[in-house]
Amino acid sequence: MVLPIVKYGHPVLRIPGRLVTEITPAIIKLVADMLDTMADAEGVGLAAHQIGQAIQLTVIDVPQSEERPSTMSIDGSEVDLETHMPLILLNPKVTLGKEIEAGREGCLSFPELNATITRPAAVSVTATGLDGETIAFSATGLLARAVQHETDHLHGVLFIDRMTSAARAGIAGKLKRLQRGD
């Protein structure tokens, strides 16, 4: 079922998420609804916060693309990205690489708004999957960016918080309109 996506200004977007301590039928249904919602919105990631649930849960579905390539490695070996999508990450822990890069980002909670954000180019992730098993992988490219963006949501951090002050000043009017619900 496609759920409504909360927009900038909704208080849930600023709340640190609670840990998911049990994989219940309700969590399994929520994941299915989040995947439907993300696909319907043509997004590559969706955090539970964006559908009004302040819990440590995100779904990610990054396609392999020549324009915005990604790599995913498990146990030090690169794997086929498509066979591991979508990712369902409960209580993710992210270790950031040292090299940084700038890239365009948008957010389903900020319709029609995007900006260049500087983030680490690589990440290592450990999380719990929907089957209760530990997931561990490393990523670069769009996948690394999506993981960082979505896990930021789980801690009440928004991509506008990662913008330069000049970039944020340039979109101040759009932010005010979004916050008012215009």
C-alpha atoms as a PDB file:
ATOM      1  CA  MET A   1       0.000   0.000   0.000  1.00  0.00           C
ATOM      2  CA  VAL A   2       1.301   3.434  -0.910  1.00  0.00           C
ATOM      3  CA  LEU A   3       1.557   5.637   2.177  1.00  0.00           C
ATOM      4  CA  PRO A   4       1.625   9.441   2.344  1.00  0.00           C
ATOM      5  CA  ILE A   5       5.146  10.885   2.590  1.00  0.00           C
ATOM      6  CA  VAL A   6       5.539  13.559   5.249  1.00  0.00           C
ATOM      7  CA  LYS A   7       6.993  16.826   4.049  1.00  0.00           C
ATOM      8  CA  TYR A   8       9.546  19.207   5.513  1.00  0.00           C
ATOM      9  CA  GLY A   9       8.149  20.900   8.593  1.00  0.00           C
ATOM     10  CA  HIS A  10       6.565  17.735  10.016  1.00  0.00           C
ATOM     11  CA  PRO A  11       8.048  17.226  13.515  1.00  0.00           C
ATOM     12  CA  VAL A  12       8.703  13.479  13.043  1.00  0.00           C
ATOM     13  CA  LEU A  13      11.510  14.336  10.595  1.00  0.00           C
ATOM     14  CA  ARG A  14      13.562  15.792  13.464  1.00  0.00           C
ATOM     15  CA  ILE A  15      13.073  12.991  16.011  1.00  0.00           C
ATOM     16  CA  PRO A  16      15.855  10.422  16.522  1.00  0.00           C
ATOM     17  CA  GLY A  17      14.374   7.016  15.725  1.00  0.00           C
ATOM     18  CA  ARG A  18      13.826   4.270  18.270  1.00  0.00           C
ATOM     19  CA  LEU A  19      15.639   0.975  17.770  1.00  0.00           C
ATOM     20  CA  VAL A  20      13.597  -1.824  16.230  1.00  0.00           C
ATOM     21  CA  THR A  21      13.809  -4.530  18.892  1.00  0.00           C
ATOM     22  CA  GLU A  22      11.493  -7.103  17.342  1.00  0.00           C
ATOM     23  CA  ILE A  23      10.545  -7.992  13.782  1.00  0.00           C
ATOM     24  CA  THR A  24       6.783  -8.219  14.065  1.00  0.00           C
ATOM     25  CA  PRO A  25       4.094  -8.721  11.418  1.00  0.00           C
ATOM     26  CA  ALA A  26       3.496  -4.959  11.683  1.00  0.00           C
ATOM     27  CA  ILE A  27       7.168  -4.250  10.822  1.00  0.00           C
ATOM     28  CA  ILE A  28       7.016  -6.683   7.889  1.00  0.00           C
ATOM     29  CA  LYS A  29       3.854  -4.935   6.600  1.00  0.00           C
ATOM     30  CA  LEU A  30       5.456  -1.521   7.118  1.00  0.00           C
ATOM     31  CA  VAL A  31       8.478  -2.583   5.035  1.00  0.00           C
ATOM     32  CA  ALA A  32       6.208  -3.795   2.208  1.00  0.00           C
ATOM     33  CA  ASP A  33       4.275  -0.505   2.306  1.00  0.00           C
ATOM     34  CA  MET A  34       7.520   1.509   2.369  1.00  0.00           C
ATOM     35  CA  LEU A  35       8.803  -0.358  -0.704  1.00  0.00           C
ATOM     36  CA  ASP A  36       5.521   0.366  -2.512  1.00  0.00           C
ATOM     37  CA  THR A  37       5.673   4.021  -1.444  1.00  0.00           C
ATOM     38  CA  MET A  38       9.314   4.431  -2.522  1.00  0.00           C
ATOM     39  CA  ALA A  39       8.631   2.838  -5.921  1.00  0.00           C
ATOM     40  CA  ASP A  40       5.497   4.953  -6.453  1.00  0.00           C
ATOM     41  CA  ALA A  41       7.482   8.125  -5.674  1.00  0.00           C
ATOM     42  CA  GLU A  42      10.366   6.952  -7.915  1.00  0.00           C
ATOM     43  CA  GLY A  43      12.820   7.278  -5.039  1.00  0.00           C
ATOM     44  CA  VAL A  44      15.974   5.306  -4.288  1.00  0.00           C
ATOM     45  CA  GLY A  45      15.498   5.360  -0.531  1.00  0.00           C
ATOM     46  CA  LEU A  46      12.871   5.924   2.116  1.00  0.00           C
ATOM     47  CA  ALA A  47      13.234   6.148   5.878  1.00  0.00           C
ATOM     48  CA  ALA A  48      10.409   5.204   8.239  1.00  0.00           C
ATOM     49  CA  HIS A  49      10.425   8.795   9.475  1.00  0.00           C
ATOM     50  CA  GLN A  50       9.240   9.905   6.042  1.00  0.00           C
ATOM     51  CA  ILE A  51       6.018   7.983   6.470  1.00  0.00           C
ATOM     52  CA  GLY A  52       5.543   9.167  10.052  1.00  0.00           C
ATOM     53  CA  GLN A  53       7.281   6.383  12.016  1.00  0.00           C
ATOM     54  CA  ALA A  54      10.264   7.423  14.172  1.00  0.00           C
ATOM     55  CA  ILE A  55      12.003   4.041  14.137  1.00  0.00           C
ATOM     56  CA  GLN A  56      15.398   2.863  12.882  1.00  0.00           C
ATOM     57  CA  LEU A  57      14.193   1.412   9.565  1.00  0.00           C
ATOM     58  CA  THR A  58      15.038   2.343   6.006  1.00  0.00           C
ATOM     59  CA  VAL A  59      14.585   0.788   2.583  1.00  0.00           C
ATOM     60  CA  ILE A  60      16.945   1.456  -0.319  1.00  0.00           C
ATOM     61  CA  ASP A  61      16.721   0.433  -3.968  1.00  0.00           C
ATOM     62  CA  VAL A  62      19.582   1.841  -6.029  1.00  0.00           C
ATOM     63  CA  PRO A  63      19.704   0.779  -9.671  1.00  0.00           C
ATOM     64  CA  GLN A  64      23.042   0.224 -11.375  1.00  0.00           C
ATOM     65  CA  SER A  65      23.586   3.235 -13.606  1.00  0.00           C
ATOM     66  CA  GLU A  66      26.416   4.505 -15.779  1.00  0.00           C
ATOM     67  CA  GLU A  67      25.433   8.055 -14.875  1.00  0.00           C
ATOM     68  CA  ARG A  68      25.613   7.461 -11.098  1.00  0.00           C
ATOM     69  CA  PRO A  69      27.505   4.179 -10.628  1.00  0.00           C
ATOM     70  CA  SER A  70      27.631   2.313  -7.343  1.00  0.00           C
ATOM     71  CA  THR A  71      29.585  -0.586  -5.958  1.00  0.00           C
ATOM     72  CA  MET A  72      28.650  -2.962  -3.172  1.00  0.00           C
ATOM     73  CA  SER A  73      31.124  -5.304  -1.492  1.00  0.00           C
ATOM     74  CA  ILE A  74      30.471  -8.110   0.966  1.00  0.00           C
ATOM     75  CA  ASP A  75      33.397  -9.654   2.838  1.00  0.00           C
ATOM     76  CA  GLY A  76      35.788  -7.635   0.665  1.00  0.00           C
ATOM     77  CA  SER A  77      34.432  -8.934  -2.658  1.00  0.00           C
ATOM     78  CA  GLU A  78      32.395  -6.798  -5.027  1.00  0.00           C
ATOM     79  CA  VAL A  79      28.912  -8.212  -5.645  1.00  0.00           C
ATOM     80  CA  ASP A  80      26.241  -7.592  -8.259  1.00  0.00           C
ATOM     81  CA  LEU A  81      24.293  -4.609  -6.973  1.00  0.00           C
ATOM     82  CA  GLU A  82      20.974  -5.524  -8.596  1.00  0.00           C
ATOM     83  CA  THR A  83      20.786  -8.927  -6.862  1.00  0.00           C
ATOM     84  CA  HIS A  84      20.985  -7.237  -3.434  1.00  0.00           C
ATOM     85  CA  MET A  85      18.272  -4.646  -4.024  1.00  0.00           C
ATOM     86  CA  PRO A  86      16.099  -3.629  -2.380  1.00  0.00           C
ATOM     87  CA  LEU A  87      17.935  -3.358   0.920  1.00  0.00           C
ATOM     88  CA  ILE A  88      15.944  -3.369   4.143  1.00  0.00           C
ATOM     89  CA  LEU A  89      18.072  -1.997   6.973  1.00  0.00           C
ATOM     90  CA  LEU A  90      16.995  -2.126  10.610  1.00  0.00           C
ATOM     91  CA  ASN A  91      19.116  -0.269  13.183  1.00  0.00           C
ATOM     92  CA  PRO A  92      21.921   0.500  10.694  1.00  0.00           C
ATOM     93  CA  LYS A  93      25.374   1.515  11.874  1.00  0.00           C
ATOM     94  CA  VAL A  94      27.436   3.366   9.274  1.00  0.00           C
ATOM     95  CA  THR A  95      31.189   3.903   9.250  1.00  0.00           C
ATOM     96  CA  LEU A  96      32.219   6.722   6.939  1.00  0.00           C
ATOM     97  CA  GLY A  97      35.209   6.651   4.606  1.00  0.00           C
ATOM     98  CA  LYS A  98      37.769   9.455   4.663  1.00  0.00           C
ATOM     99  CA  GLU A  99      37.576  10.596   1.016  1.00  0.00           C
ATOM    100  CA  ILE A 100      34.750  13.036   0.320  1.00  0.00           C
ATOM    101  CA  GLU A 101      32.883  13.954  -2.832  1.00  0.00           C
ATOM    102  CA  ALA A 102      30.130  16.324  -3.856  1.00  0.00           C
ATOM    103  CA  GLY A 103      26.954  15.030  -5.480  1.00  0.00           C
ATOM    104  CA  ARG A 104      23.371  16.018  -6.207  1.00  0.00           C
ATOM    105  CA  GLU A 105      20.733  14.906  -3.745  1.00  0.00           C
ATOM    106  CA  GLY A 106      17.023  15.238  -3.492  1.00  0.00           C
ATOM    107  CA  CYS A 107      14.591  14.020  -0.865  1.00  0.00           C
ATOM    108  CA  LEU A 108      11.039  12.746  -1.099  1.00  0.00           C
ATOM    109  CA  SER A 109      10.158  14.944   1.907  1.00  0.00           C
ATOM    110  CA  PHE A 110      11.393  18.000  -0.054  1.00  0.00           C
ATOM    111  CA  PRO A 111       9.538  17.729  -3.384  1.00  0.00           C
ATOM    112  CA  GLU A 112      11.216  19.375  -6.371  1.00  0.00           C
ATOM    113  CA  LEU A 113      14.225  20.444  -4.309  1.00  0.00           C
ATOM    114  CA  ASN A 114      17.768  19.227  -4.782  1.00  0.00           C
ATOM    115  CA  ALA A 115      21.230  20.466  -3.996  1.00  0.00           C
ATOM    116  CA  THR A 116      24.873  19.521  -4.124  1.00  0.00           C
ATOM    117  CA  ILE A 117      25.891  17.859  -0.860  1.00  0.00           C
ATOM    118  CA  THR A 118      29.410  16.856   0.156  1.00  0.00           C
ATOM    119  CA  ARG A 119      29.624  13.456   1.825  1.00  0.00           C
ATOM    120  CA  PRO A 120      32.134  10.643   2.258  1.00  0.00           C
ATOM    121  CA  ALA A 121      32.531   8.676  -0.992  1.00  0.00           C
ATOM    122  CA  ALA A 122      32.442   5.273   0.729  1.00  0.00           C
ATOM    123  CA  VAL A 123      30.713   3.682   3.691  1.00  0.00           C
ATOM    124  CA  SER A 124      30.688   0.425   5.604  1.00  0.00           C
ATOM    125  CA  VAL A 125      27.321  -0.661   6.957  1.00  0.00           C
ATOM    126  CA  THR A 126      26.161  -3.162   9.537  1.00  0.00           C
ATOM    127  CA  ALA A 127      22.425  -3.596  10.071  1.00  0.00           C
ATOM    128  CA  THR A 128      19.772  -6.186  10.769  1.00  0.00           C
ATOM    129  CA  GLY A 129      17.777  -7.496   7.826  1.00  0.00           C
ATOM    130  CA  LEU A 130      14.082  -8.307   7.796  1.00  0.00           C
ATOM    131  CA  ASP A 131      14.993 -11.954   8.436  1.00  0.00           C
ATOM    132  CA  GLY A 132      16.707 -10.949  11.708  1.00  0.00           C
ATOM    133  CA  GLU A 133      20.166 -11.727  10.319  1.00  0.00           C
ATOM    134  CA  THR A 134      23.073  -9.287  10.313  1.00  0.00           C
ATOM    135  CA  ILE A 135      23.803  -7.546   7.013  1.00  0.00           C
ATOM    136  CA  ALA A 136      27.306  -6.137   6.485  1.00  0.00           C
ATOM    137  CA  PHE A 137      28.540  -4.455   3.319  1.00  0.00           C
ATOM    138  CA  SER A 138      30.636  -1.618   1.947  1.00  0.00           C
ATOM    139  CA  ALA A 139      29.423   0.770  -0.722  1.00  0.00           C
ATOM    140  CA  THR A 140      30.520   3.599  -2.980  1.00  0.00           C
ATOM    141  CA  GLY A 141      28.742   5.880  -5.406  1.00  0.00           C
ATOM    142  CA  LEU A 142      25.016   6.498  -5.267  1.00  0.00           C
ATOM    143  CA  LEU A 143      24.492   3.578  -2.880  1.00  0.00           C
ATOM    144  CA  ALA A 144      26.929   5.101  -0.349  1.00  0.00           C
ATOM    145  CA  ARG A 145      25.179   8.458  -0.705  1.00  0.00           C
ATOM    146  CA  ALA A 146      21.697   6.903  -0.316  1.00  0.00           C
ATOM    147  CA  VAL A 147      22.771   4.978   2.812  1.00  0.00           C
ATOM    148  CA  GLN A 148      24.100   8.173   4.400  1.00  0.00           C
ATOM    149  CA  HIS A 149      21.036  10.204   3.420  1.00  0.00           C
ATOM    150  CA  GLU A 150      18.578   7.618   4.753  1.00  0.00           C
ATOM    151  CA  THR A 151      20.463   6.904   7.980  1.00  0.00           C
ATOM    152  CA  ASP A 152      20.632  10.651   8.588  1.00  0.00           C
ATOM    153  CA  HIS A 153      16.815  10.606   8.554  1.00  0.00           C
ATOM    154  CA  LEU A 154      16.880   7.931  11.266  1.00  0.00           C
ATOM    155  CA  HIS A 155      18.739  10.384  13.515  1.00  0.00           C
ATOM    156  CA  GLY A 156      16.582  13.432  12.749  1.00  0.00           C
ATOM    157  CA  VAL A 157      19.135  14.923  10.346  1.00  0.00           C
ATOM    158  CA  LEU A 158      17.926  16.275   6.997  1.00  0.00           C
ATOM    159  CA  PHE A 159      19.899  16.790   3.821  1.00  0.00           C
ATOM    160  CA  ILE A 160      19.433  20.552   4.136  1.00  0.00           C
ATOM    161  CA  ASP A 161      21.521  20.302   7.324  1.00  0.00           C
ATOM    162  CA  ARG A 162      24.409  19.082   5.130  1.00  0.00           C
ATOM    163  CA  MET A 163      24.194  22.010   2.688  1.00  0.00           C
ATOM    164  CA  THR A 164      26.594  24.915   2.678  1.00  0.00           C
ATOM    165  CA  SER A 165      25.145  28.062   4.192  1.00  0.00           C
ATOM    166  CA  ALA A 166      25.185  29.681   0.732  1.00  0.00           C
ATOM    167  CA  ALA A 167      23.214  26.794  -0.806  1.00  0.00           C
ATOM    168  CA  ARG A 168      20.720  26.867   2.031  1.00  0.00           C
ATOM    169  CA  ALA A 169      20.289  30.624   1.705  1.00  0.00           C
ATOM    170  CA  GLY A 170      19.568  30.116  -2.000  1.00  0.00           C
ATOM    171  CA  ILE A 171      16.605  27.848  -1.234  1.00  0.00           C
ATOM    172  CA  ALA A 172      15.309  29.660   1.863  1.00  0.00           C
ATOM    173  CA  GLY A 173      12.105  30.767   0.114  1.00  0.00           C
ATOM    174  CA  LYS A 174      11.328  27.238  -1.100  1.00  0.00           C
ATOM    175  CA  LEU A 175      11.949  25.880   2.399  1.00  0.00           C
ATOM    176  CA  LYS A 176       9.551  28.377   3.934  1.00  0.00           C
ATOM    177  CA  ARG A 177       6.846  27.458   1.413  1.00  0.00           C
ATOM    178  CA  LEU A 178       7.350  23.750   2.119  1.00  0.00           C
ATOM    179  CA  GLN A 179       7.217  24.316   5.860  1.00  0.00           C
ATOM    180  CA  ARG A 180       3.927  26.210   5.487  1.00  0.00           C
ATOM    181  CA  GLY A 181       2.543  23.443   3.281  1.00  0.00           C
ATOM    182  CA  ASP A 182       2.184  25.649   0.180  1.00  0.00           C
END
